[in-house]
Amino acid sequence: MKRFLLVAVLLAAVAIFAAEKYVWFDEKTPYLGSDAAGKYGGRIVVATLSGPRTMNYTVAKETSSTDVIALFMGYGGTLVELDNYARLHPAIAKRCEVELTDEGKMIVTFWLREGIRWSDGHPFTADDFVFTVNDVYCNPNIPSSTQDVIKDSQGRLPRAEKIDDYTVRVIYEEPFRLAVRYIGGLYIWPKHIAEQWVKDGTFREKWTVEAINNKELVGLGPFIPVEYVPDQYIRAVRNPYYWKKDAKGNQLPYLDEFVFKILPDLNAIKLAFENGEIDIYGVTAQFYPEIKAKAKKKNWVVGTGGPTYGTTFITFNWNHDDPVKRSWFRNEYFRKAVAYAMDKEAMIDTLLAGLGVAQWGPVSVLSPFYNDDALRKYPYDLDYARMMLQLGGFSWDKDGNLIDAQGNKVEFILSTNAGNTVREGMCNIIRDELAKLGIKVTFVPLDFNLLVNKMLNTTDWEAVVIGLTGSDEPQGGRNVWAQKGTLHFWNFHPDAAPGKQIKPEIYEAPDWELEIDRIFAENVKVLDQKKVYEMFSRFQELVSEHLPLIYTVQQLYLYAHKADLNIIEPTAFGGMLWTLPWIYWKK
């Protein structure tokens, strides 16, 4: 039902776009939290496996950083925001109009709420938003993943104009179907602080993690990080100028503090929840039956939902320095053999306690763009895996070792983030199954931030099991799937690799990668949602056929929290914290 409703909403949006001007929302449309009724006080403690790597959103690529950044830049700190079902609502913008001009341009006009202040008390105006769009996210000298997703089909970035102190408009040279959601959802930077960084060319060097303890962070979100003790915790306090108010006119947030407690692994997180050291818990499937059984006695709320939007996969470094390993990883039959050797049922049964589903493609089954018929699937079958290897030019020596056409034994290092016991378990299963094919896999878990740095800035990695958060909207993954995307990590383009580590002479892009690049470039100008669905169906077909990422399994959405905490309707999209500014302790 949910998927149907999302499709219906999208189709309605297309019909409306056919008009010359559309009022997306106006002053009568309530913002999220405007009907809240809670009480002040207390703090919430949430677990994380790693400390942040940066507080600069244009640099951040890992959730250990972006989850903390969201506290002071998200949760209503944007012009628009999404609820727990990906429905769009006004936030700092109180009115929004979209216009298609006779010249074929799209103009989005936002009217901003007056009287909003940054967390340091400085007034927020249209200048901050225009600066954010033009001088930060659309600045070629400050490349970021955000640029990947807000470009039009020709690679052009939008530009923002100030109409007056509280009215701005954003202009696209052609229709851009996600303009309101993406431009209105940008994290906004304080011009009075960050403008100088742009002028002196130091923007990307600012707001490191040291900015937390230096009390330098300024935002429009509900909490401001003020203390970071590595390997222990990050503490944030309520923003005294947060703009949202509840139904009685009381300023939000209700909580005094938000704390990320850094714990070494999933076992430690479970123990911390049981001991009352953390207040909410994204339960792993392995522990779900035990947590559920204790819920009544412990006064917990424990629940489950459907498959999540995230993905987990194994991928290989196509640009490895060793030409021999590079040739294996680029060999499509090799990747298909790995896919056929993937025992997903064993992963679901042993790692997820049956609370998971097999994944076959890059789009979540919850997305209105998911097309099961477009996906090629690879059921566990080692005979098929051996056949794929033979088709790929591989054979076996007298001792049963897999060798390539030149007689090189096939062996590689597989990594994942240490402490994530589910991913570690996946690596062990993959290693054991590939051993049956004569492939030697050495499993080396690594610290999460170290692993991400290796993938993004070096060629010093061979294979990883890792995940992406995902969304209902596939276009949000353009930074992953575009040929020059800043997260196209398995086959970075030499011009786009964050560490400039890819040698142009070894780089190759197959035709199907270029077709995916075109799909992500061109779908944004298509306002016929049926055609967009067809384009993303082709995308799913190409990915599942050629397997740049080989998908594993995904746990169902599981959650647990203390019953005294007012958590409202957690979903796979919104999680437990989508109402963070108006979460409160009942007692």
Protein backbone atom coordinates (compact mmCIF):
# COMPACT_ATOMS: atom_id res chain seq x y z
CA MET A 1 0.00 0.00 0.00
CA LYS A 2 2.79 2.36 0.90
CA ARG A 3 4.50 1.88 -2.44
CA PHE A 4 1.23 2.53 -4.26
CA LEU A 5 0.72 5.75 -2.36
CA LEU A 6 4.20 6.96 -3.19
CA VAL A 7 3.67 6.27 -6.88
CA ALA A 8 0.36 8.08 -6.74
CA VAL A 9 1.97 11.10 -5.13
CA LEU A 10 4.71 11.18 -7.74
CA LEU A 11 2.28 10.87 -10.62
CA ALA A 12 0.21 13.68 -9.17
CA ALA A 13 3.30 15.82 -9.02
CA VAL A 14 3.91 15.22 -12.72
CA ALA A 15 0.40 16.25 -13.61
CA ILE A 16 0.75 19.40 -11.58
CA PHE A 17 4.06 20.23 -13.22
CA ALA A 18 2.22 20.52 -16.53
CA ALA A 19 0.75 23.76 -15.23
CA GLU A 20 2.85 26.92 -15.61
CA LYS A 21 3.11 27.56 -11.89
CA TYR A 22 2.48 25.34 -8.92
CA VAL A 23 2.26 26.24 -5.24
CA TRP A 24 4.03 23.29 -3.63
CA PHE A 25 3.09 24.40 -0.11
CA ASP A 26 2.06 27.65 1.53
CA GLU A 27 1.79 29.38 4.92
CA LYS A 28 -1.15 27.18 5.91
CA THR A 29 0.89 23.98 5.60
CA PRO A 30 2.13 22.96 9.08
CA TYR A 31 5.76 22.12 9.71
CA LEU A 32 6.77 18.87 11.38
CA GLY A 33 6.55 19.18 15.14
CA SER A 34 4.11 22.09 15.16
CA ASP A 35 1.51 19.86 16.85
CA ALA A 36 3.93 18.41 19.41
CA ALA A 37 3.10 18.44 23.12
CA GLY A 38 5.94 17.32 25.35
CA LYS A 39 8.05 18.51 28.26
CA TYR A 40 11.61 19.72 28.74
CA GLY A 41 14.60 18.01 30.23
CA GLY A 42 16.97 15.08 30.06
CA ARG A 43 19.18 13.70 27.38
CA ILE A 44 19.18 10.82 24.94
CA VAL A 45 22.16 8.50 24.45
CA VAL A 46 22.63 6.67 21.15
CA ALA A 47 25.35 4.19 20.20
CA THR A 48 27.79 4.49 17.31
CA LEU A 49 30.65 2.24 16.27
CA SER A 50 33.05 5.02 15.29
CA GLY A 51 33.79 8.62 16.08
CA PRO A 52 33.35 11.23 13.34
CA ARG A 53 36.08 11.91 10.78
CA THR A 54 34.98 15.47 10.04
CA MET A 55 32.29 18.06 10.82
CA ASN A 56 32.42 19.54 7.30
CA TYR A 57 29.46 18.20 5.32
CA THR A 58 31.10 18.81 1.93
CA VAL A 59 33.89 16.43 2.93
CA ALA A 60 31.95 13.87 4.96
CA LYS A 61 31.15 10.57 3.25
CA GLU A 62 30.62 8.24 6.22
CA THR A 63 27.67 7.99 8.58
CA SER A 64 29.97 8.27 11.61
CA SER A 65 30.39 11.91 10.53
CA THR A 66 27.07 12.70 8.83
CA ASP A 67 24.99 11.44 11.79
CA VAL A 68 26.70 13.99 14.03
CA ILE A 69 26.54 16.76 11.41
CA ALA A 70 22.78 16.21 11.09
CA LEU A 71 22.34 17.30 14.71
CA PHE A 72 23.33 20.88 13.94
CA MET A 73 22.49 21.12 10.22
CA GLY A 74 19.50 18.81 9.80
CA TYR A 75 16.25 18.02 11.61
CA GLY A 76 14.49 21.14 10.38
CA GLY A 77 17.64 23.13 9.69
CA THR A 78 16.78 23.08 5.99
CA LEU A 79 14.15 24.80 3.86
CA VAL A 80 12.13 21.58 3.50
CA GLU A 81 12.31 18.20 5.18
CA LEU A 82 10.94 14.68 4.84
CA ASP A 83 8.92 12.69 7.36
CA ASN A 84 9.16 9.00 8.16
CA TYR A 85 7.47 8.05 4.86
CA ALA A 86 9.55 10.37 2.66
CA ARG A 87 6.70 12.88 2.39
CA LEU A 88 7.89 16.44 1.90
CA HIS A 89 7.02 19.18 4.43
CA PRO A 90 7.91 22.86 4.82
CA ALA A 91 10.62 23.72 7.32
CA ILE A 92 12.48 27.05 7.22
CA ALA A 93 10.64 27.81 3.98
CA LYS A 94 7.00 28.67 4.68
CA ARG A 95 5.94 28.83 1.05
CA CYS A 96 7.24 27.30 -2.17
CA GLU A 97 6.27 27.84 -5.80
CA VAL A 98 7.57 26.05 -8.88
CA GLU A 99 7.37 27.62 -12.32
CA LEU A 100 8.23 26.34 -15.79
CA THR A 101 9.04 29.27 -18.06
CA ASP A 102 8.44 29.62 -21.78
CA GLU A 103 12.22 29.34 -22.21
CA GLY A 104 12.13 25.89 -20.66
CA LYS A 105 13.68 26.92 -17.35
CA MET A 106 12.49 25.84 -13.94
CA ILE A 107 12.30 28.46 -11.19
CA VAL A 108 11.71 27.46 -7.59
CA THR A 109 10.82 30.31 -5.26
CA PHE A 110 11.07 29.93 -1.49
CA TRP A 111 9.63 32.36 1.06
CA LEU A 112 11.61 32.04 4.32
CA ARG A 113 10.34 32.36 7.86
CA GLU A 114 11.38 35.60 9.51
CA GLY A 115 13.12 35.94 12.84
CA ILE A 116 15.17 32.72 12.65
CA ARG A 117 18.65 32.89 14.22
CA TRP A 118 21.77 30.76 13.97
CA SER A 119 22.91 28.97 17.12
CA ASP A 120 25.31 31.86 17.85
CA GLY A 121 22.42 34.34 17.73
CA HIS A 122 23.26 35.80 14.32
CA PRO A 123 20.14 36.47 12.17
CA PHE A 124 19.41 34.00 9.37
CA THR A 125 18.43 35.59 6.05
CA ALA A 126 18.21 34.85 2.35
CA ASP A 127 21.90 35.76 2.08
CA ASP A 128 22.83 32.58 3.95
CA PHE A 129 20.88 30.39 1.55
CA VAL A 130 22.14 32.13 -1.59
CA PHE A 131 25.71 31.85 -0.28
CA THR A 132 25.14 28.15 0.47
CA VAL A 133 23.91 27.38 -3.05
CA ASN A 134 26.18 29.59 -5.13
CA ASP A 135 29.40 29.75 -3.15
CA VAL A 136 29.47 26.35 -1.46
CA TYR A 137 27.56 23.56 -3.18
CA CYS A 138 27.84 25.02 -6.71
CA ASN A 139 31.43 26.16 -6.28
CA PRO A 140 33.76 24.18 -8.59
CA ASN A 141 36.57 24.75 -6.12
CA ILE A 142 34.62 22.94 -3.39
CA PRO A 143 33.72 19.60 -5.00
CA SER A 144 31.30 17.49 -2.99
CA SER A 145 28.88 14.61 -3.37
CA THR A 146 26.08 17.15 -3.26
CA GLN A 147 27.09 18.52 -6.66
CA ASP A 148 26.58 15.05 -8.14
CA VAL A 149 22.89 15.01 -7.24
CA ILE A 150 21.83 18.61 -7.97
CA LYS A 151 23.26 18.87 -11.52
CA ASP A 152 20.84 18.94 -14.43
CA SER A 153 21.05 16.59 -17.40
CA GLN A 154 23.77 18.72 -19.01
CA GLY A 155 25.87 18.77 -15.87
CA ARG A 156 24.90 22.37 -15.11
CA LEU A 157 24.43 23.47 -11.54
CA PRO A 158 21.54 25.71 -10.48
CA ARG A 159 22.02 29.27 -9.28
CA ALA A 160 20.26 31.07 -6.48
CA GLU A 161 19.07 34.69 -6.42
CA LYS A 162 17.97 36.86 -3.53
CA ILE A 163 14.66 38.63 -4.07
CA ASP A 164 14.63 40.23 -0.64
CA ASP A 165 15.88 39.29 2.84
CA TYR A 166 13.30 36.51 3.11
CA THR A 167 12.64 35.44 -0.46
CA VAL A 168 14.96 33.48 -2.73
CA ARG A 169 14.63 31.73 -6.01
CA VAL A 170 16.65 28.93 -7.55
CA ILE A 171 16.93 28.69 -11.32
CA TYR A 172 17.55 25.58 -13.37
CA GLU A 173 18.18 25.94 -17.09
CA GLU A 174 15.79 23.03 -17.73
CA PRO A 175 13.17 21.10 -15.72
CA PHE A 176 14.65 19.26 -12.74
CA ARG A 177 12.06 16.97 -11.21
CA LEU A 178 13.72 16.85 -7.77
CA ALA A 179 14.46 20.55 -7.40
CA VAL A 180 12.26 21.26 -4.38
CA ARG A 181 13.37 18.17 -2.49
CA TYR A 182 17.07 18.45 -3.23
CA ILE A 183 17.64 22.21 -3.20
CA GLY A 184 15.24 22.75 -0.33
CA GLY A 185 16.94 19.93 1.58
CA LEU A 186 20.47 21.36 1.39
CA TYR A 187 22.29 21.80 4.68
CA ILE A 188 22.69 25.57 5.04
CA TRP A 189 26.00 27.25 5.93
CA PRO A 190 26.33 30.46 8.02
CA LYS A 191 27.59 33.11 5.62
CA HIS A 192 28.90 35.30 8.44
CA ILE A 193 31.34 32.53 9.36
CA ALA A 194 32.02 30.50 6.21
CA GLU A 195 32.27 33.26 3.60
CA GLN A 196 35.84 34.05 4.60
CA TRP A 197 36.79 30.38 4.21
CA VAL A 198 35.57 30.46 0.60
CA LYS A 199 37.48 33.65 -0.10
CA ASP A 200 40.77 32.37 1.29
CA GLY A 201 40.38 28.87 -0.18
CA THR A 202 40.31 27.02 3.15
CA PHE A 203 36.67 25.95 3.19
CA ARG A 204 37.28 22.19 2.99
CA GLU A 205 39.86 22.44 5.77
CA LYS A 206 37.39 23.93 8.23
CA TRP A 207 35.18 22.32 10.79
CA THR A 208 37.38 19.32 11.50
CA VAL A 209 36.46 17.26 14.54
CA GLU A 210 38.54 19.69 16.62
CA ALA A 211 35.83 22.28 15.92
CA ILE A 212 33.61 20.42 18.39
CA ASN A 213 35.77 20.99 21.47
CA ASN A 214 36.71 24.45 20.18
CA LYS A 215 32.99 25.32 20.27
CA GLU A 216 33.19 26.52 16.65
CA LEU A 217 30.14 24.76 15.23
CA VAL A 218 27.18 26.95 14.33
CA GLY A 219 23.96 25.63 12.87
CA LEU A 220 20.20 25.83 12.43
CA GLY A 221 19.53 22.32 13.73
CA PRO A 222 18.22 21.40 17.18
CA PHE A 223 21.54 20.44 18.84
CA ILE A 224 25.12 21.73 18.71
CA PRO A 225 28.02 19.28 19.31
CA VAL A 226 30.27 20.78 22.02
CA GLU A 227 32.39 17.92 23.39
CA TYR A 228 34.21 15.03 21.72
CA VAL A 229 36.27 12.48 23.60
CA PRO A 230 37.74 10.07 21.02
CA ASP A 231 36.68 6.44 21.46
CA GLN A 232 34.23 7.51 24.17
CA TYR A 233 31.50 9.96 23.21
CA ILE A 234 30.28 13.08 21.38
CA ARG A 235 28.01 15.37 23.39
CA ALA A 236 25.65 17.94 21.89
CA VAL A 237 23.51 20.51 23.69
CA ARG A 238 20.24 22.13 22.67
CA ASN A 239 20.47 25.04 20.26
CA PRO A 240 19.13 28.04 22.24
CA TYR A 241 17.88 29.63 19.00
CA TYR A 242 16.31 26.60 17.31
CA TRP A 243 13.34 27.97 15.39
CA LYS A 244 10.66 25.29 15.80
CA LYS A 245 7.95 25.63 18.42
CA ASP A 246 5.41 23.09 19.62
CA ALA A 247 1.60 23.37 19.70
CA LYS A 248 1.73 25.66 22.75
CA GLY A 249 4.42 27.91 21.36
CA ASN A 250 7.20 26.33 23.44
CA GLN A 251 10.58 26.29 21.77
CA LEU A 252 11.95 22.92 20.69
CA PRO A 253 13.88 20.70 21.24
CA TYR A 254 12.59 19.27 24.47
CA LEU A 255 15.79 17.40 25.36
CA ASP A 256 18.74 19.23 26.91
CA GLU A 257 21.42 17.01 25.38
CA PHE A 258 22.10 14.39 22.74
CA VAL A 259 25.02 11.99 23.19
CA PHE A 260 26.63 9.55 20.77
CA LYS A 261 28.32 6.86 22.85
CA ILE A 262 31.16 5.23 20.90
CA LEU A 263 31.24 1.47 21.40
CA PRO A 264 33.66 -1.02 19.83
CA ASP A 265 31.24 -3.56 18.35
CA LEU A 266 27.64 -4.72 18.08
CA ASN A 267 27.96 -6.97 21.13
CA ALA A 268 28.99 -3.99 23.24
CA ILE A 269 26.04 -1.97 21.89
CA LYS A 270 23.59 -4.71 22.88
CA LEU A 271 25.11 -4.92 26.35
CA ALA A 272 24.94 -1.13 26.72
CA PHE A 273 21.23 -1.15 25.90
CA GLU A 274 20.53 -3.96 28.33
CA ASN A 275 22.42 -2.06 31.03
CA GLY A 276 20.51 1.13 30.36
CA GLU A 277 23.59 3.01 29.10
CA ILE A 278 21.95 3.85 25.76
CA ASP A 279 18.31 4.73 25.22
CA ILE A 280 17.54 3.51 21.73
CA TYR A 281 18.93 0.51 19.91
CA GLY A 282 18.95 -0.46 16.26
CA VAL A 283 18.66 -4.14 17.10
CA THR A 284 20.58 -6.61 15.00
CA ALA A 285 18.58 -9.60 13.86
CA GLN A 286 20.93 -11.89 15.75
CA PHE A 287 19.85 -10.39 19.07
CA TYR A 288 16.26 -9.49 18.19
CA PRO A 289 14.54 -12.61 19.65
CA GLU A 290 16.39 -12.13 22.96
CA ILE A 291 15.64 -8.41 23.15
CA LYS A 292 12.01 -8.98 22.20
CA ALA A 293 11.64 -11.63 24.92
CA LYS A 294 12.92 -9.21 27.56
CA ALA A 295 10.88 -6.22 26.40
CA LYS A 296 8.01 -6.36 28.90
CA LYS A 297 10.21 -7.01 31.92
CA LYS A 298 12.68 -4.31 30.94
CA ASN A 299 10.03 -1.77 29.90
CA TRP A 300 11.26 -1.55 26.32
CA VAL A 301 9.36 -0.98 23.10
CA VAL A 302 10.63 -3.48 20.53
CA GLY A 303 9.36 -3.64 16.98
CA THR A 304 10.02 -4.62 13.40
CA GLY A 305 9.28 -3.35 9.93
CA GLY A 306 9.96 -4.45 6.39
CA PRO A 307 13.22 -4.42 4.43
CA THR A 308 15.27 -1.27 4.85
CA TYR A 309 16.43 1.12 2.13
CA GLY A 310 20.09 0.33 2.71
CA THR A 311 22.22 -2.13 0.78
CA THR A 312 25.12 -4.38 1.70
CA PHE A 313 27.43 -5.73 -0.97
CA ILE A 314 30.87 -6.99 -1.89
CA THR A 315 32.80 -5.00 -4.45
CA PHE A 316 36.29 -5.19 -5.93
CA ASN A 317 38.92 -2.58 -6.72
CA TRP A 318 38.96 -2.40 -10.52
CA ASN A 319 41.96 -0.06 -10.43
CA HIS A 320 44.24 -2.06 -8.19
CA ASP A 321 47.94 -1.41 -8.80
CA ASP A 322 48.55 -5.09 -9.52
CA PRO A 323 47.51 -5.66 -13.17
CA VAL A 324 46.87 -9.35 -12.46
CA LYS A 325 44.34 -8.67 -9.71
CA ARG A 326 42.93 -5.80 -11.73
CA SER A 327 42.17 -8.22 -14.57
CA TRP A 328 40.30 -10.60 -12.22
CA PHE A 329 38.21 -7.87 -10.67
CA ARG A 330 37.27 -6.44 -14.08
CA ASN A 331 36.35 -9.90 -15.35
CA GLU A 332 32.54 -10.02 -15.39
CA TYR A 333 32.49 -13.85 -15.25
CA PHE A 334 34.65 -13.71 -12.12
CA ARG A 335 32.12 -11.42 -10.45
CA LYS A 336 29.23 -13.64 -11.56
CA ALA A 337 31.01 -16.64 -10.06
CA VAL A 338 31.23 -14.78 -6.75
CA ALA A 339 27.51 -13.98 -7.03
CA TYR A 340 26.60 -17.63 -7.60
CA ALA A 341 28.82 -18.60 -4.64
CA MET A 342 26.95 -16.23 -2.35
CA ASP A 343 24.98 -18.39 0.10
CA LYS A 344 22.36 -15.81 1.02
CA GLU A 345 20.12 -18.28 2.81
CA ALA A 346 22.99 -19.13 5.16
CA MET A 347 23.55 -15.42 5.77
CA ILE A 348 19.88 -14.86 6.57
CA ASP A 349 19.62 -17.91 8.81
CA THR A 350 22.91 -17.64 10.71
CA LEU A 351 23.55 -13.90 10.78
CA LEU A 352 20.04 -12.44 10.70
CA ALA A 353 18.08 -15.12 12.59
CA GLY A 354 15.76 -15.36 9.60
CA LEU A 355 14.90 -11.64 9.84
CA GLY A 356 16.26 -10.62 6.48
CA VAL A 357 15.79 -10.78 2.74
CA ALA A 358 18.08 -11.47 -0.20
CA GLN A 359 19.10 -8.42 -2.20
CA TRP A 360 19.57 -8.57 -5.96
CA GLY A 361 19.84 -4.96 -7.03
CA PRO A 362 20.55 -1.37 -6.07
CA VAL A 363 16.97 -0.16 -5.50
CA SER A 364 15.10 -0.97 -2.30
CA VAL A 365 11.89 -2.98 -2.61
CA LEU A 366 10.22 -0.09 -0.72
CA SER A 367 11.03 2.37 -3.49
CA PRO A 368 8.33 3.16 -6.06
CA PHE A 369 11.06 2.60 -8.68
CA TYR A 370 11.84 -0.98 -7.66
CA ASN A 371 11.24 -3.46 -10.52
CA ASP A 372 11.74 -7.09 -9.60
CA ASP A 373 11.24 -8.17 -13.21
CA ALA A 374 14.27 -6.14 -14.30
CA LEU A 375 16.65 -7.96 -11.99
CA ARG A 376 18.89 -10.87 -12.90
CA LYS A 377 19.23 -13.15 -9.90
CA TYR A 378 22.02 -15.53 -8.95
CA PRO A 379 20.78 -18.34 -6.71
CA TYR A 380 23.45 -20.12 -4.71
CA ASP A 381 24.96 -22.72 -7.04
CA LEU A 382 28.66 -23.62 -6.99
CA ASP A 383 28.38 -25.56 -10.25
CA TYR A 384 27.19 -22.41 -12.00
CA ALA A 385 29.96 -20.52 -10.25
CA ARG A 386 32.56 -22.93 -11.65
CA MET A 387 31.03 -22.60 -15.10
CA MET A 388 31.27 -18.80 -14.89
CA LEU A 389 34.94 -19.09 -13.93
CA GLN A 390 35.64 -21.34 -16.90
CA LEU A 391 33.87 -18.90 -19.22
CA GLY A 392 36.06 -16.18 -17.73
CA GLY A 393 39.26 -18.00 -18.69
CA PHE A 394 40.03 -19.50 -15.28
CA SER A 395 40.94 -23.12 -14.50
CA TRP A 396 42.30 -25.17 -11.60
CA ASP A 397 45.77 -26.55 -10.91
CA LYS A 398 46.43 -30.08 -9.71
CA ASP A 399 45.95 -28.99 -6.10
CA GLY A 400 42.54 -27.48 -6.77
CA ASN A 401 43.67 -23.84 -6.67
CA LEU A 402 41.91 -21.50 -9.07
CA ILE A 403 44.36 -20.04 -11.59
CA ASP A 404 43.95 -17.47 -14.32
CA ALA A 405 44.98 -17.91 -17.95
CA GLN A 406 48.57 -17.00 -17.08
CA GLY A 407 48.73 -19.53 -14.25
CA ASN A 408 48.45 -17.04 -11.39
CA LYS A 409 46.72 -18.37 -8.28
CA VAL A 410 43.60 -16.34 -7.49
CA GLU A 411 43.77 -14.92 -4.00
CA PHE A 412 42.80 -11.58 -2.50
CA ILE A 413 42.22 -9.68 0.73
CA LEU A 414 38.63 -9.06 1.83
CA SER A 415 37.87 -6.36 4.39
CA THR A 416 34.94 -4.83 6.20
CA ASN A 417 34.52 -2.47 9.14
CA ALA A 418 35.66 -4.12 12.36
CA GLY A 419 33.02 -4.49 15.04
CA ASN A 420 30.13 -4.97 12.64
CA THR A 421 29.66 -8.63 13.46
CA VAL A 422 27.04 -9.13 10.74
CA ARG A 423 29.36 -7.92 8.00
CA GLU A 424 32.21 -9.86 9.53
CA GLY A 425 30.00 -12.93 9.40
CA MET A 426 29.21 -12.25 5.74
CA CYS A 427 32.93 -12.06 4.99
CA ASN A 428 33.52 -15.39 6.69
CA ILE A 429 30.74 -17.06 4.69
CA ILE A 430 32.02 -15.56 1.43
CA ARG A 431 35.58 -16.64 2.26
CA ASP A 432 34.48 -20.21 3.01
CA GLU A 433 32.35 -20.52 -0.12
CA LEU A 434 35.06 -19.11 -2.40
CA ALA A 435 37.52 -21.57 -0.86
CA LYS A 436 35.33 -24.31 -2.31
CA LEU A 437 36.09 -22.80 -5.72
CA GLY A 438 39.83 -22.83 -5.07
CA ILE A 439 40.02 -19.09 -4.27
CA LYS A 440 42.08 -18.08 -1.26
CA VAL A 441 40.49 -15.15 0.58
CA THR A 442 42.23 -13.51 3.52
CA PHE A 443 39.75 -11.68 5.73
CA VAL A 444 41.08 -8.50 7.40
CA PRO A 445 38.57 -6.35 9.34
CA LEU A 446 39.58 -2.69 9.59
CA ASP A 447 38.55 0.38 11.56
CA PHE A 448 35.64 1.97 9.71
CA ASN A 449 37.24 5.35 9.07
CA LEU A 450 40.49 3.68 7.95
CA LEU A 451 38.55 1.44 5.58
CA VAL A 452 36.64 4.37 4.06
CA ASN A 453 39.84 6.35 3.65
CA LYS A 454 41.50 3.44 1.83
CA MET A 455 38.54 3.08 -0.53
CA LEU A 456 38.18 6.77 -1.31
CA ASN A 457 41.74 8.03 -1.32
CA THR A 458 44.03 5.13 -2.20
CA THR A 459 44.25 2.09 -4.44
CA ASP A 460 45.39 0.05 -1.44
CA TRP A 461 42.39 -2.24 -1.14
CA GLU A 462 41.22 -5.35 -2.97
CA ALA A 463 37.69 -6.32 -1.93
CA VAL A 464 35.29 -5.03 0.70
CA VAL A 465 31.92 -5.84 2.16
CA ILE A 466 30.28 -2.55 2.97
CA GLY A 467 26.92 -0.79 2.64
CA LEU A 468 25.14 2.31 1.45
CA THR A 469 22.24 3.91 3.25
CA GLY A 470 19.89 4.15 0.24
CA SER A 471 16.63 6.00 -0.20
CA ASP A 472 13.23 5.82 -1.84
CA GLU A 473 14.64 7.94 -4.70
CA PRO A 474 17.38 6.23 -6.79
CA GLN A 475 18.64 9.58 -8.07
CA GLY A 476 20.06 10.19 -4.61
CA GLY A 477 22.70 7.63 -5.56
CA ARG A 478 24.03 9.66 -8.49
CA ASN A 479 27.24 10.30 -6.56
CA VAL A 480 27.70 6.51 -6.53
CA TRP A 481 26.56 5.62 -10.05
CA ALA A 482 27.70 8.49 -12.25
CA GLN A 483 30.94 7.77 -14.08
CA LYS A 484 32.59 10.69 -12.30
CA GLY A 485 30.64 10.27 -9.09
CA THR A 486 32.54 11.01 -5.90
CA LEU A 487 31.50 7.62 -4.48
CA HIS A 488 32.08 5.56 -7.65
CA PHE A 489 34.71 3.84 -5.56
CA TRP A 490 35.09 0.51 -7.40
CA ASN A 491 36.07 2.30 -10.60
CA PHE A 492 36.86 5.93 -9.86
CA HIS A 493 37.35 8.15 -12.88
CA PRO A 494 40.87 9.67 -12.78
CA ASP A 495 39.36 13.17 -12.74
CA ALA A 496 36.95 12.39 -9.89
CA ALA A 497 38.90 10.17 -7.48
CA PRO A 498 39.05 12.11 -4.19
CA GLY A 499 42.72 11.23 -3.71
CA LYS A 500 43.61 11.68 -7.41
CA GLN A 501 45.03 8.18 -7.09
CA ILE A 502 43.79 6.63 -10.35
CA LYS A 503 46.28 6.43 -13.20
CA PRO A 504 44.58 7.50 -16.45
CA GLU A 505 46.50 4.89 -18.45
CA ILE A 506 44.87 2.00 -16.57
CA TYR A 507 41.34 3.39 -16.33
CA GLU A 508 38.55 1.71 -18.31
CA ALA A 509 34.79 2.30 -18.36
CA PRO A 510 32.61 -0.37 -20.03
CA ASP A 511 29.69 0.69 -22.20
CA TRP A 512 27.11 -0.33 -19.61
CA GLU A 513 28.69 1.98 -17.04
CA LEU A 514 28.37 4.82 -19.52
CA GLU A 515 24.70 3.91 -20.08
CA ILE A 516 24.07 4.06 -16.33
CA ASP A 517 25.81 7.43 -16.29
CA ARG A 518 23.38 8.67 -18.97
CA ILE A 519 20.37 7.36 -17.06
CA PHE A 520 21.37 9.28 -13.94
CA ALA A 521 22.15 12.40 -15.96
CA GLU A 522 18.98 12.47 -18.04
CA ASN A 523 16.18 11.21 -15.78
CA VAL A 524 16.12 14.43 -13.78
CA LYS A 525 14.72 16.42 -16.71
CA VAL A 526 11.96 13.88 -17.36
CA LEU A 527 8.71 14.86 -15.67
CA ASP A 528 6.79 11.82 -16.89
CA GLN A 529 7.14 9.49 -13.93
CA LYS A 530 6.37 6.40 -16.02
CA LYS A 531 9.38 7.15 -18.20
CA VAL A 532 11.55 7.68 -15.13
CA TYR A 533 10.40 4.29 -13.84
CA GLU A 534 11.44 2.70 -17.14
CA MET A 535 14.84 4.40 -16.99
CA PHE A 536 15.52 3.18 -13.49
CA SER A 537 14.30 -0.30 -14.47
CA ARG A 538 17.02 -0.35 -17.11
CA PHE A 539 19.49 0.80 -14.44
CA GLN A 540 18.54 -2.15 -12.24
CA GLU A 541 18.84 -4.50 -15.18
CA LEU A 542 22.35 -3.26 -16.03
CA VAL A 543 23.63 -3.43 -12.46
CA SER A 544 22.29 -6.92 -11.82
CA GLU A 545 23.63 -8.16 -15.16
CA HIS A 546 27.18 -6.77 -14.83
CA LEU A 547 27.56 -6.73 -11.03
CA PRO A 548 29.86 -3.84 -10.17
CA LEU A 549 28.39 -4.37 -6.70
CA ILE A 550 27.35 -7.89 -5.71
CA TYR A 551 24.49 -7.56 -3.27
CA THR A 552 24.19 -9.78 -0.22
CA VAL A 553 21.24 -9.65 2.16
CA GLN A 554 19.48 -6.98 4.13
CA GLN A 555 18.15 -7.15 7.63
CA LEU A 556 14.55 -6.14 8.20
CA TYR A 557 14.06 -2.86 10.00
CA LEU A 558 14.27 -3.62 13.73
CA TYR A 559 14.17 -1.20 16.60
CA ALA A 560 14.10 -0.99 20.38
CA HIS A 561 13.92 1.89 22.82
CA LYS A 562 13.08 2.63 26.42
CA ALA A 563 9.31 2.87 26.80
CA ASP A 564 9.62 6.12 28.75
CA LEU A 565 11.00 7.81 25.68
CA ASN A 566 8.40 9.33 23.36
CA ILE A 567 9.49 7.76 20.05
CA ILE A 568 6.83 8.16 17.37
CA GLU A 569 6.19 5.59 14.64
CA PRO A 570 9.69 4.46 13.64
CA THR A 571 9.99 3.38 10.01
CA ALA A 572 12.75 2.11 7.76
CA PHE A 573 12.94 5.54 6.12
CA GLY A 574 12.77 7.77 9.18
CA GLY A 575 14.28 5.50 11.79
CA MET A 576 13.67 6.23 15.46
CA LEU A 577 14.96 9.80 15.42
CA TRP A 578 12.91 11.47 12.69
CA THR A 579 11.06 13.41 15.42
CA LEU A 580 14.24 14.25 17.36
CA PRO A 581 13.33 17.91 18.12
CA TRP A 582 10.14 16.83 19.88
CA ILE A 583 11.27 13.59 21.47
CA TYR A 584 10.86 13.80 25.25
CA TRP A 585 10.96 11.71 28.39
CA LYS A 586 7.49 10.84 29.62
CA LYS A 587 8.62 10.63 33.25
